Amino acid sequence: MKRKLVIGTLIISASAFAHDHFMYTDNLDVTGKDNFKMKVMLCHPDEGKEEGAVNVGTINGKTTLPKKFFVVHNGKKTDLTDKVKIGKIKTDKNIATTFDTVYGKEDGLKGGGSWVFFMEPGETRDEGYAFFPSVKLIVTKDSEGMDYKERVAENSNEIVPLLNPVNAWKENVFRAKFVDKNGMPIKNARVDVHFINADIDIVNDLYKGGDEMEKVGVRMYTDDNGVFAFSPSRAGKWVIRAVASMDKEKKIVHDSSLVVQFK
């Protein structure tokens, strides 16, 4: 499939992109739930049936569990590294390694508010590059909580939403800020946004890619304040991937992601 990338009002072709690391759950609104499952995976989410997934946290066939995974709720940070398990995802093309977690009442899913999950999955090798990603997922219960707009990850690059990524409409303009390990804005950083063109059943570890679609990818760059904005073309979940640095000679990439949901 010939991929299309939207930049401003122009549509251009792009033959190759790096895969997106992202943390996923079936609904970012967890109102009424006692627990839910999250899965960190690596794939081309907008490609539908065309692409398989890649093993996360894996070098030369060896998978190492992440050393950083936590949640922030009501300003309190809780370490969750011992809750991460090695999982899998079966796509239309292959089976790949994922990182899986179940979070419930016994862990802190009580009352209303927002929960901000942050993980550094560790080094992953893909297409000759070494990727050092950070992935973030924000869920909300009873439409409450303000943690979503706060920086939570010291010493890590991070996407900080300026609009709740759970209670957004596709007519909204979604805005966020990309900051470095010191919390300073990263200006002129490349930001790719990809629609998740798939039905993902994380309970049964299945990824069913959709048919080819147009207007499923957009690229932009942060301004001098590290801020970027986009208006989604359709409802559903989108993966935002921001690149902090890319050394093409050494083939090393540091990037960050955030999944957002539009009604």
C-alpha atoms as a PDB file:
ATOM      1  CA  MET A   1       0.000   0.000   0.000  1.00  0.00           C
ATOM      2  CA  LYS A   2       1.228   3.488  -0.794  1.00  0.00           C
ATOM      3  CA  ARG A   3       0.961   5.476   2.404  1.00  0.00           C
ATOM      4  CA  LYS A   4      -0.276   9.035   2.462  1.00  0.00           C
ATOM      5  CA  LEU A   5       0.905  11.718   4.837  1.00  0.00           C
ATOM      6  CA  VAL A   6      -0.939  14.978   5.361  1.00  0.00           C
ATOM      7  CA  ILE A   7       1.145  18.097   6.034  1.00  0.00           C
ATOM      8  CA  GLY A   8      -1.024  21.158   6.444  1.00  0.00           C
ATOM      9  CA  THR A   9      -3.340  21.065   3.434  1.00  0.00           C
ATOM     10  CA  LEU A  10      -1.003  18.970   1.278  1.00  0.00           C
ATOM     11  CA  ILE A  11      -1.134  15.213   0.851  1.00  0.00           C
ATOM     12  CA  ILE A  12       2.165  13.579  -0.021  1.00  0.00           C
ATOM     13  CA  SER A  13       3.282   9.987  -0.411  1.00  0.00           C
ATOM     14  CA  ALA A  14       5.663   8.370   2.040  1.00  0.00           C
ATOM     15  CA  SER A  15       7.031   4.888   1.574  1.00  0.00           C
ATOM     16  CA  ALA A  16       8.476   4.262   5.008  1.00  0.00           C
ATOM     17  CA  PHE A  17       8.128   5.429   8.591  1.00  0.00           C
ATOM     18  CA  ALA A  18       9.496   4.054  11.819  1.00  0.00           C
ATOM     19  CA  HIS A  19       7.022   1.927  13.683  1.00  0.00           C
ATOM     20  CA  ASP A  20       5.177   3.516  16.610  1.00  0.00           C
ATOM     21  CA  HIS A  21       5.646   2.272  20.161  1.00  0.00           C
ATOM     22  CA  PHE A  22       2.408   2.927  22.042  1.00  0.00           C
ATOM     23  CA  MET A  23       0.472   1.900  25.146  1.00  0.00           C
ATOM     24  CA  TYR A  24      -3.099   0.819  24.401  1.00  0.00           C
ATOM     25  CA  THR A  25      -6.317  -0.052  26.195  1.00  0.00           C
ATOM     26  CA  ASP A  26      -9.750  -0.584  24.685  1.00  0.00           C
ATOM     27  CA  ASN A  27     -11.335   2.590  26.110  1.00  0.00           C
ATOM     28  CA  LEU A  28      -9.641   5.558  27.770  1.00  0.00           C
ATOM     29  CA  ASP A  29     -12.857   6.206  29.700  1.00  0.00           C
ATOM     30  CA  VAL A  30     -12.748   3.561  32.450  1.00  0.00           C
ATOM     31  CA  THR A  31     -15.931   4.712  34.211  1.00  0.00           C
ATOM     32  CA  GLY A  32     -17.662   1.723  35.806  1.00  0.00           C
ATOM     33  CA  LYS A  33     -14.668  -0.600  35.444  1.00  0.00           C
ATOM     34  CA  ASP A  34     -13.049  -2.501  38.309  1.00  0.00           C
ATOM     35  CA  ASN A  35      -9.933  -3.212  36.245  1.00  0.00           C
ATOM     36  CA  PHE A  36      -8.579  -2.952  32.716  1.00  0.00           C
ATOM     37  CA  LYS A  37      -5.705  -4.310  30.658  1.00  0.00           C
ATOM     38  CA  MET A  38      -2.994  -2.277  28.929  1.00  0.00           C
ATOM     39  CA  LYS A  39      -0.643  -3.455  26.213  1.00  0.00           C
ATOM     40  CA  VAL A  40       2.533  -1.815  24.897  1.00  0.00           C
ATOM     41  CA  MET A  41       3.120  -2.727  21.264  1.00  0.00           C
ATOM     42  CA  LEU A  42       5.172  -1.662  18.274  1.00  0.00           C
ATOM     43  CA  CYS A  43       3.597  -1.442  14.819  1.00  0.00           C
ATOM     44  CA  HIS A  44       2.316   0.817  12.019  1.00  0.00           C
ATOM     45  CA  PRO A  45      -1.159   1.562  13.475  1.00  0.00           C
ATOM     46  CA  ASP A  46      -2.469   3.329  10.375  1.00  0.00           C
ATOM     47  CA  GLU A  47      -1.427   0.604   7.925  1.00  0.00           C
ATOM     48  CA  GLY A  48      -4.339  -1.727   8.640  1.00  0.00           C
ATOM     49  CA  LYS A  49      -3.762  -5.164   7.139  1.00  0.00           C
ATOM     50  CA  GLU A  50      -0.533  -4.198   5.406  1.00  0.00           C
ATOM     51  CA  GLU A  51       1.935  -4.461   8.290  1.00  0.00           C
ATOM     52  CA  GLY A  52       2.729  -6.796  11.152  1.00  0.00           C
ATOM     53  CA  ALA A  53       4.042  -5.893  14.601  1.00  0.00           C
ATOM     54  CA  VAL A  54       7.604  -5.818  15.976  1.00  0.00           C
ATOM     55  CA  ASN A  55       8.841  -7.281  19.274  1.00  0.00           C
ATOM     56  CA  VAL A  56       9.096  -4.584  21.960  1.00  0.00           C
ATOM     57  CA  GLY A  57      12.092  -4.311  24.301  1.00  0.00           C
ATOM     58  CA  THR A  58      13.900  -6.906  22.226  1.00  0.00           C
ATOM     59  CA  ILE A  59      17.477  -7.127  20.910  1.00  0.00           C
ATOM     60  CA  ASN A  60      18.697 -10.175  18.986  1.00  0.00           C
ATOM     61  CA  GLY A  61      15.697 -12.192  20.122  1.00  0.00           C
ATOM     62  CA  LYS A  62      16.136 -11.401  23.833  1.00  0.00           C
ATOM     63  CA  THR A  63      13.337  -9.450  25.556  1.00  0.00           C
ATOM     64  CA  THR A  64      14.094  -7.425  28.687  1.00  0.00           C
ATOM     65  CA  LEU A  65      11.291  -6.129  30.908  1.00  0.00           C
ATOM     66  CA  PRO A  66      11.118  -2.343  31.357  1.00  0.00           C
ATOM     67  CA  LYS A  67      12.895  -0.701  34.276  1.00  0.00           C
ATOM     68  CA  LYS A  68      10.531   2.281  34.407  1.00  0.00           C
ATOM     69  CA  PHE A  69       6.742   2.013  34.631  1.00  0.00           C
ATOM     70  CA  PHE A  70       4.531   4.023  36.968  1.00  0.00           C
ATOM     71  CA  VAL A  71       1.189   5.755  37.322  1.00  0.00           C
ATOM     72  CA  VAL A  72       0.318   9.203  38.670  1.00  0.00           C
ATOM     73  CA  HIS A  73      -3.114   9.789  40.224  1.00  0.00           C
ATOM     74  CA  ASN A  74      -4.102  12.859  42.234  1.00  0.00           C
ATOM     75  CA  GLY A  75      -0.462  13.927  42.172  1.00  0.00           C
ATOM     76  CA  LYS A  76       0.768  10.668  43.734  1.00  0.00           C
ATOM     77  CA  LYS A  77       3.259   8.505  41.842  1.00  0.00           C
ATOM     78  CA  THR A  78       3.130   4.701  42.223  1.00  0.00           C
ATOM     79  CA  ASP A  79       5.729   2.314  40.801  1.00  0.00           C
ATOM     80  CA  LEU A  80       4.240  -0.514  38.712  1.00  0.00           C
ATOM     81  CA  THR A  81       7.328  -2.191  37.241  1.00  0.00           C
ATOM     82  CA  ASP A  82       6.586  -5.469  39.027  1.00  0.00           C
ATOM     83  CA  LYS A  83       3.183  -5.671  37.327  1.00  0.00           C
ATOM     84  CA  VAL A  84       4.564  -5.826  33.758  1.00  0.00           C
ATOM     85  CA  LYS A  85       4.429  -9.195  32.001  1.00  0.00           C
ATOM     86  CA  ILE A  86       5.728 -10.280  28.611  1.00  0.00           C
ATOM     87  CA  GLY A  87       2.744 -10.782  26.327  1.00  0.00           C
ATOM     88  CA  LYS A  88       2.008 -11.159  22.641  1.00  0.00           C
ATOM     89  CA  ILE A  89      -0.115  -9.735  19.858  1.00  0.00           C
ATOM     90  CA  LYS A  90      -1.287 -11.734  16.854  1.00  0.00           C
ATOM     91  CA  THR A  91      -1.662  -9.557  13.749  1.00  0.00           C
ATOM     92  CA  ASP A  92      -2.719 -10.367  10.199  1.00  0.00           C
ATOM     93  CA  LYS A  93       0.962 -10.918   9.381  1.00  0.00           C
ATOM     94  CA  ASN A  94       2.705 -12.308  12.453  1.00  0.00           C
ATOM     95  CA  ILE A  95       2.911 -12.719  16.233  1.00  0.00           C
ATOM     96  CA  ALA A  96       5.018 -10.213  18.190  1.00  0.00           C
ATOM     97  CA  THR A  97       6.099  -9.649  21.786  1.00  0.00           C
ATOM     98  CA  THR A  98       4.308  -7.000  23.866  1.00  0.00           C
ATOM     99  CA  PHE A  99       4.385  -5.724  27.454  1.00  0.00           C
ATOM    100  CA  ASP A 100       1.096  -6.323  29.306  1.00  0.00           C
ATOM    101  CA  THR A 101      -0.346  -4.986  32.553  1.00  0.00           C
ATOM    102  CA  VAL A 102      -3.682  -5.268  34.347  1.00  0.00           C
ATOM    103  CA  TYR A 103      -4.607  -2.379  36.645  1.00  0.00           C
ATOM    104  CA  GLY A 104      -7.495  -2.634  39.119  1.00  0.00           C
ATOM    105  CA  LYS A 105      -9.048  -1.492  42.386  1.00  0.00           C
ATOM    106  CA  GLU A 106      -6.354  -3.172  44.461  1.00  0.00           C
ATOM    107  CA  ASP A 107      -3.784  -1.075  42.590  1.00  0.00           C
ATOM    108  CA  GLY A 108      -5.574   2.257  43.018  1.00  0.00           C
ATOM    109  CA  LEU A 109      -8.447   2.373  40.518  1.00  0.00           C
ATOM    110  CA  LYS A 110     -10.840   3.918  43.022  1.00  0.00           C
ATOM    111  CA  GLY A 111     -13.085   6.958  42.891  1.00  0.00           C
ATOM    112  CA  GLY A 112     -12.943   9.403  40.012  1.00  0.00           C
ATOM    113  CA  GLY A 113     -10.097  11.237  38.343  1.00  0.00           C
ATOM    114  CA  SER A 114      -7.412  10.671  35.769  1.00  0.00           C
ATOM    115  CA  TRP A 115      -4.578   8.138  35.850  1.00  0.00           C
ATOM    116  CA  VAL A 116      -1.404   8.853  33.879  1.00  0.00           C
ATOM    117  CA  PHE A 117       0.639   5.743  32.994  1.00  0.00           C
ATOM    118  CA  PHE A 118       4.224   6.150  31.808  1.00  0.00           C
ATOM    119  CA  MET A 119       6.714   3.523  30.645  1.00  0.00           C
ATOM    120  CA  GLU A 120      10.145   3.352  29.091  1.00  0.00           C
ATOM    121  CA  PRO A 121       9.998  -0.057  27.350  1.00  0.00           C
ATOM    122  CA  GLY A 122      13.758  -0.170  26.823  1.00  0.00           C
ATOM    123  CA  GLU A 123      15.859  -0.428  23.685  1.00  0.00           C
ATOM    124  CA  THR A 124      14.228  -2.006  20.639  1.00  0.00           C
ATOM    125  CA  ARG A 125      15.914  -2.777  17.317  1.00  0.00           C
ATOM    126  CA  ASP A 126      13.967  -2.358  14.079  1.00  0.00           C
ATOM    127  CA  GLU A 127      15.092  -1.846  10.477  1.00  0.00           C
ATOM    128  CA  GLY A 128      18.682  -1.317  11.614  1.00  0.00           C
ATOM    129  CA  TYR A 129      17.804   1.425  14.118  1.00  0.00           C
ATOM    130  CA  ALA A 130      18.000   1.399  17.908  1.00  0.00           C
ATOM    131  CA  PHE A 131      14.880   2.960  19.431  1.00  0.00           C
ATOM    132  CA  PHE A 132      14.685   4.317  22.973  1.00  0.00           C
ATOM    133  CA  PRO A 133      10.993   5.196  23.406  1.00  0.00           C
ATOM    134  CA  SER A 134       8.794   6.487  26.178  1.00  0.00           C
ATOM    135  CA  VAL A 135       5.086   5.672  26.042  1.00  0.00           C
ATOM    136  CA  LYS A 136       2.225   7.293  27.885  1.00  0.00           C
ATOM    137  CA  LEU A 137      -1.456   6.490  28.395  1.00  0.00           C
ATOM    138  CA  ILE A 138      -4.067   8.557  30.212  1.00  0.00           C
ATOM    139  CA  VAL A 139      -7.412   7.181  31.383  1.00  0.00           C
ATOM    140  CA  THR A 140     -10.260   9.005  33.066  1.00  0.00           C
ATOM    141  CA  LYS A 141     -13.050   7.894  35.377  1.00  0.00           C
ATOM    142  CA  ASP A 142     -16.280   9.876  35.814  1.00  0.00           C
ATOM    143  CA  SER A 143     -14.854  12.719  33.658  1.00  0.00           C
ATOM    144  CA  GLU A 144     -12.775  13.951  36.584  1.00  0.00           C
ATOM    145  CA  GLY A 145      -9.120  14.640  37.341  1.00  0.00           C
ATOM    146  CA  MET A 146      -6.492  17.159  36.256  1.00  0.00           C
ATOM    147  CA  ASP A 147      -3.348  14.992  36.322  1.00  0.00           C
ATOM    148  CA  TYR A 148      -3.515  14.660  32.531  1.00  0.00           C
ATOM    149  CA  LYS A 149      -2.134  18.192  31.985  1.00  0.00           C
ATOM    150  CA  GLU A 150       0.859  17.821  34.294  1.00  0.00           C
ATOM    151  CA  ARG A 151       4.373  16.632  33.504  1.00  0.00           C
ATOM    152  CA  VAL A 152       4.869  13.340  35.355  1.00  0.00           C
ATOM    153  CA  ALA A 153       8.158  11.850  34.108  1.00  0.00           C
ATOM    154  CA  GLU A 154      11.342  13.425  35.417  1.00  0.00           C
ATOM    155  CA  ASN A 155      14.478  12.656  33.401  1.00  0.00           C
ATOM    156  CA  SER A 156      12.388  11.536  30.419  1.00  0.00           C
ATOM    157  CA  ASN A 157      11.057  13.115  27.250  1.00  0.00           C
ATOM    158  CA  GLU A 158       7.293  13.463  27.478  1.00  0.00           C
ATOM    159  CA  ILE A 159       4.179  14.610  25.622  1.00  0.00           C
ATOM    160  CA  VAL A 160       1.996  16.729  27.926  1.00  0.00           C
ATOM    161  CA  PRO A 161      -1.612  17.251  26.721  1.00  0.00           C
ATOM    162  CA  LEU A 162      -3.221  20.676  26.925  1.00  0.00           C
ATOM    163  CA  LEU A 163      -6.635  19.091  26.261  1.00  0.00           C
ATOM    164  CA  ASN A 164      -7.967  15.991  28.008  1.00  0.00           C
ATOM    165  CA  PRO A 165      -7.149  13.135  25.577  1.00  0.00           C
ATOM    166  CA  VAL A 166     -10.143  11.158  26.817  1.00  0.00           C
ATOM    167  CA  ASN A 167     -12.982  13.674  26.545  1.00  0.00           C
ATOM    168  CA  ALA A 168     -12.156  15.105  23.121  1.00  0.00           C
ATOM    169  CA  TRP A 169     -14.361  15.379  20.034  1.00  0.00           C
ATOM    170  CA  LYS A 170     -13.091  14.997  16.493  1.00  0.00           C
ATOM    171  CA  GLU A 171     -14.087  18.617  15.805  1.00  0.00           C
ATOM    172  CA  ASN A 172     -11.712  19.742  18.564  1.00  0.00           C
ATOM    173  CA  VAL A 173      -8.222  21.065  17.905  1.00  0.00           C
ATOM    174  CA  PHE A 174      -6.019  18.884  20.082  1.00  0.00           C
ATOM    175  CA  ARG A 175      -2.999  20.660  21.551  1.00  0.00           C
ATOM    176  CA  ALA A 176      -0.055  19.284  23.511  1.00  0.00           C
ATOM    177  CA  LYS A 177       3.477  20.188  24.543  1.00  0.00           C
ATOM    178  CA  PHE A 178       6.619  18.133  23.971  1.00  0.00           C
ATOM    179  CA  VAL A 179       9.273  18.513  26.676  1.00  0.00           C
ATOM    180  CA  ASP A 180      12.750  17.097  27.231  1.00  0.00           C
ATOM    181  CA  LYS A 181      14.270  15.302  30.220  1.00  0.00           C
ATOM    182  CA  ASN A 182      14.608  18.610  32.067  1.00  0.00           C
ATOM    183  CA  GLY A 183      11.034  19.673  31.356  1.00  0.00           C
ATOM    184  CA  MET A 184      12.122  22.224  28.766  1.00  0.00           C
ATOM    185  CA  PRO A 185      10.156  22.549  25.510  1.00  0.00           C
ATOM    186  CA  ILE A 186      11.602  20.780  22.474  1.00  0.00           C
ATOM    187  CA  LYS A 187      11.195  23.147  19.544  1.00  0.00           C
ATOM    188  CA  ASN A 188      11.001  22.129  15.888  1.00  0.00           C
ATOM    189  CA  ALA A 189      10.528  18.474  16.859  1.00  0.00           C
ATOM    190  CA  ARG A 190       8.888  16.180  14.316  1.00  0.00           C
ATOM    191  CA  VAL A 191       5.463  14.946  15.386  1.00  0.00           C
ATOM    192  CA  ASP A 192       3.639  12.192  13.482  1.00  0.00           C
ATOM    193  CA  VAL A 193       0.016  11.379  14.274  1.00  0.00           C
ATOM    194  CA  HIS A 194      -1.433   8.063  13.082  1.00  0.00           C
ATOM    195  CA  PHE A 195      -5.008   6.783  13.217  1.00  0.00           C
ATOM    196  CA  ILE A 196      -5.285   3.287  14.701  1.00  0.00           C
ATOM    197  CA  ASN A 197      -6.804   1.558  11.683  1.00  0.00           C
ATOM    198  CA  ALA A 198      -7.421  -1.742  13.450  1.00  0.00           C
ATOM    199  CA  ASP A 199      -9.655  -3.590  15.873  1.00  0.00           C
ATOM    200  CA  ILE A 200      -7.413  -4.471  18.803  1.00  0.00           C
ATOM    201  CA  ASP A 201      -8.662  -7.129  21.219  1.00  0.00           C
ATOM    202  CA  ILE A 202      -6.134  -6.921  24.032  1.00  0.00           C
ATOM    203  CA  VAL A 203      -7.982  -9.487  26.165  1.00  0.00           C
ATOM    204  CA  ASN A 204      -7.416 -12.158  23.505  1.00  0.00           C
ATOM    205  CA  ASP A 205      -4.212 -10.566  22.129  1.00  0.00           C
ATOM    206  CA  LEU A 206      -5.580 -10.057  18.607  1.00  0.00           C
ATOM    207  CA  TYR A 207      -4.881  -7.229  16.148  1.00  0.00           C
ATOM    208  CA  LYS A 208      -7.252  -7.151  13.163  1.00  0.00           C
ATOM    209  CA  GLY A 209      -6.112  -4.548  10.662  1.00  0.00           C
ATOM    210  CA  GLY A 210      -8.677  -2.522   8.735  1.00  0.00           C
ATOM    211  CA  ASP A 211      -8.947  -1.800   5.011  1.00  0.00           C
ATOM    212  CA  GLU A 212      -6.886   0.939   3.408  1.00  0.00           C
ATOM    213  CA  MET A 213      -7.987   4.454   4.366  1.00  0.00           C
ATOM    214  CA  GLU A 214      -7.076   7.983   3.365  1.00  0.00           C
ATOM    215  CA  LYS A 215      -6.234  10.810   5.777  1.00  0.00           C
ATOM    216  CA  VAL A 216      -4.887   8.508   8.477  1.00  0.00           C
ATOM    217  CA  GLY A 217      -1.545  10.267   9.025  1.00  0.00           C
ATOM    218  CA  VAL A 218      -0.451  13.823   9.639  1.00  0.00           C
ATOM    219  CA  ARG A 219       2.976  15.316  10.295  1.00  0.00           C
ATOM    220  CA  MET A 220       3.760  18.617  11.977  1.00  0.00           C
ATOM    221  CA  TYR A 221       6.546  20.289  13.967  1.00  0.00           C
ATOM    222  CA  THR A 222       6.522  21.857  17.394  1.00  0.00           C
ATOM    223  CA  ASP A 223       6.785  25.635  17.767  1.00  0.00           C
ATOM    224  CA  ASP A 224       9.321  27.483  19.923  1.00  0.00           C
ATOM    225  CA  ASN A 225       7.300  26.567  23.022  1.00  0.00           C
ATOM    226  CA  GLY A 226       7.270  22.870  22.152  1.00  0.00           C
ATOM    227  CA  VAL A 227       3.557  23.054  21.346  1.00  0.00           C
ATOM    228  CA  PHE A 228       1.824  21.302  18.443  1.00  0.00           C
ATOM    229  CA  ALA A 229      -1.832  20.982  17.425  1.00  0.00           C
ATOM    230  CA  PHE A 230      -3.986  18.952  15.051  1.00  0.00           C
ATOM    231  CA  SER A 231      -7.641  18.306  14.291  1.00  0.00           C
ATOM    232  CA  PRO A 232      -8.429  14.609  13.644  1.00  0.00           C
ATOM    233  CA  SER A 233     -10.176  13.611  10.432  1.00  0.00           C
ATOM    234  CA  ARG A 234     -12.231  10.891  12.113  1.00  0.00           C
ATOM    235  CA  ALA A 235     -13.369   9.609  15.496  1.00  0.00           C
ATOM    236  CA  GLY A 236     -11.416   6.842  17.204  1.00  0.00           C
ATOM    237  CA  LYS A 237      -7.967   6.425  18.708  1.00  0.00           C
ATOM    238  CA  TRP A 238      -4.827   8.073  17.340  1.00  0.00           C
ATOM    239  CA  VAL A 239      -1.151   7.578  18.229  1.00  0.00           C
ATOM    240  CA  ILE A 240       0.942  10.729  18.618  1.00  0.00           C
ATOM    241  CA  ARG A 241       4.673  10.096  18.163  1.00  0.00           C
ATOM    242  CA  ALA A 242       7.130  12.927  18.835  1.00  0.00           C
ATOM    243  CA  VAL A 243      10.813  12.561  17.974  1.00  0.00           C
ATOM    244  CA  ALA A 244      13.228  14.148  20.450  1.00  0.00           C
ATOM    245  CA  SER A 245      16.335  13.157  18.507  1.00  0.00           C
ATOM    246  CA  MET A 246      17.300  11.024  15.514  1.00  0.00           C
ATOM    247  CA  ASP A 247      20.925  10.267  14.680  1.00  0.00           C
ATOM    248  CA  LYS A 248      20.786   8.847  11.150  1.00  0.00           C
ATOM    249  CA  GLU A 249      24.505   8.078  11.110  1.00  0.00           C
ATOM    250  CA  LYS A 250      24.509   6.105  14.363  1.00  0.00           C
ATOM    251  CA  LYS A 251      20.880   5.014  13.749  1.00  0.00           C
ATOM    252  CA  ILE A 252      19.664   5.964  17.221  1.00  0.00           C
ATOM    253  CA  VAL A 253      16.197   7.389  17.883  1.00  0.00           C
ATOM    254  CA  HIS A 254      14.685   8.824  21.073  1.00  0.00           C
ATOM    255  CA  ASP A 255      10.929   9.331  20.783  1.00  0.00           C
ATOM    256  CA  SER A 256       7.756   9.562  22.848  1.00  0.00           C
ATOM    257  CA  SER A 257       4.135   8.579  22.260  1.00  0.00           C
ATOM    258  CA  LEU A 258       0.654   9.235  23.572  1.00  0.00           C
ATOM    259  CA  VAL A 259      -2.643   7.622  22.557  1.00  0.00           C
ATOM    260  CA  VAL A 260      -5.641   9.991  22.330  1.00  0.00           C
ATOM    261  CA  GLN A 261      -9.307   9.184  21.826  1.00  0.00           C
ATOM    262  CA  PHE A 262     -11.889  11.235  19.940  1.00  0.00           C
ATOM    263  CA  LYS A 263     -15.660  10.768  19.902  1.00  0.00           C
END
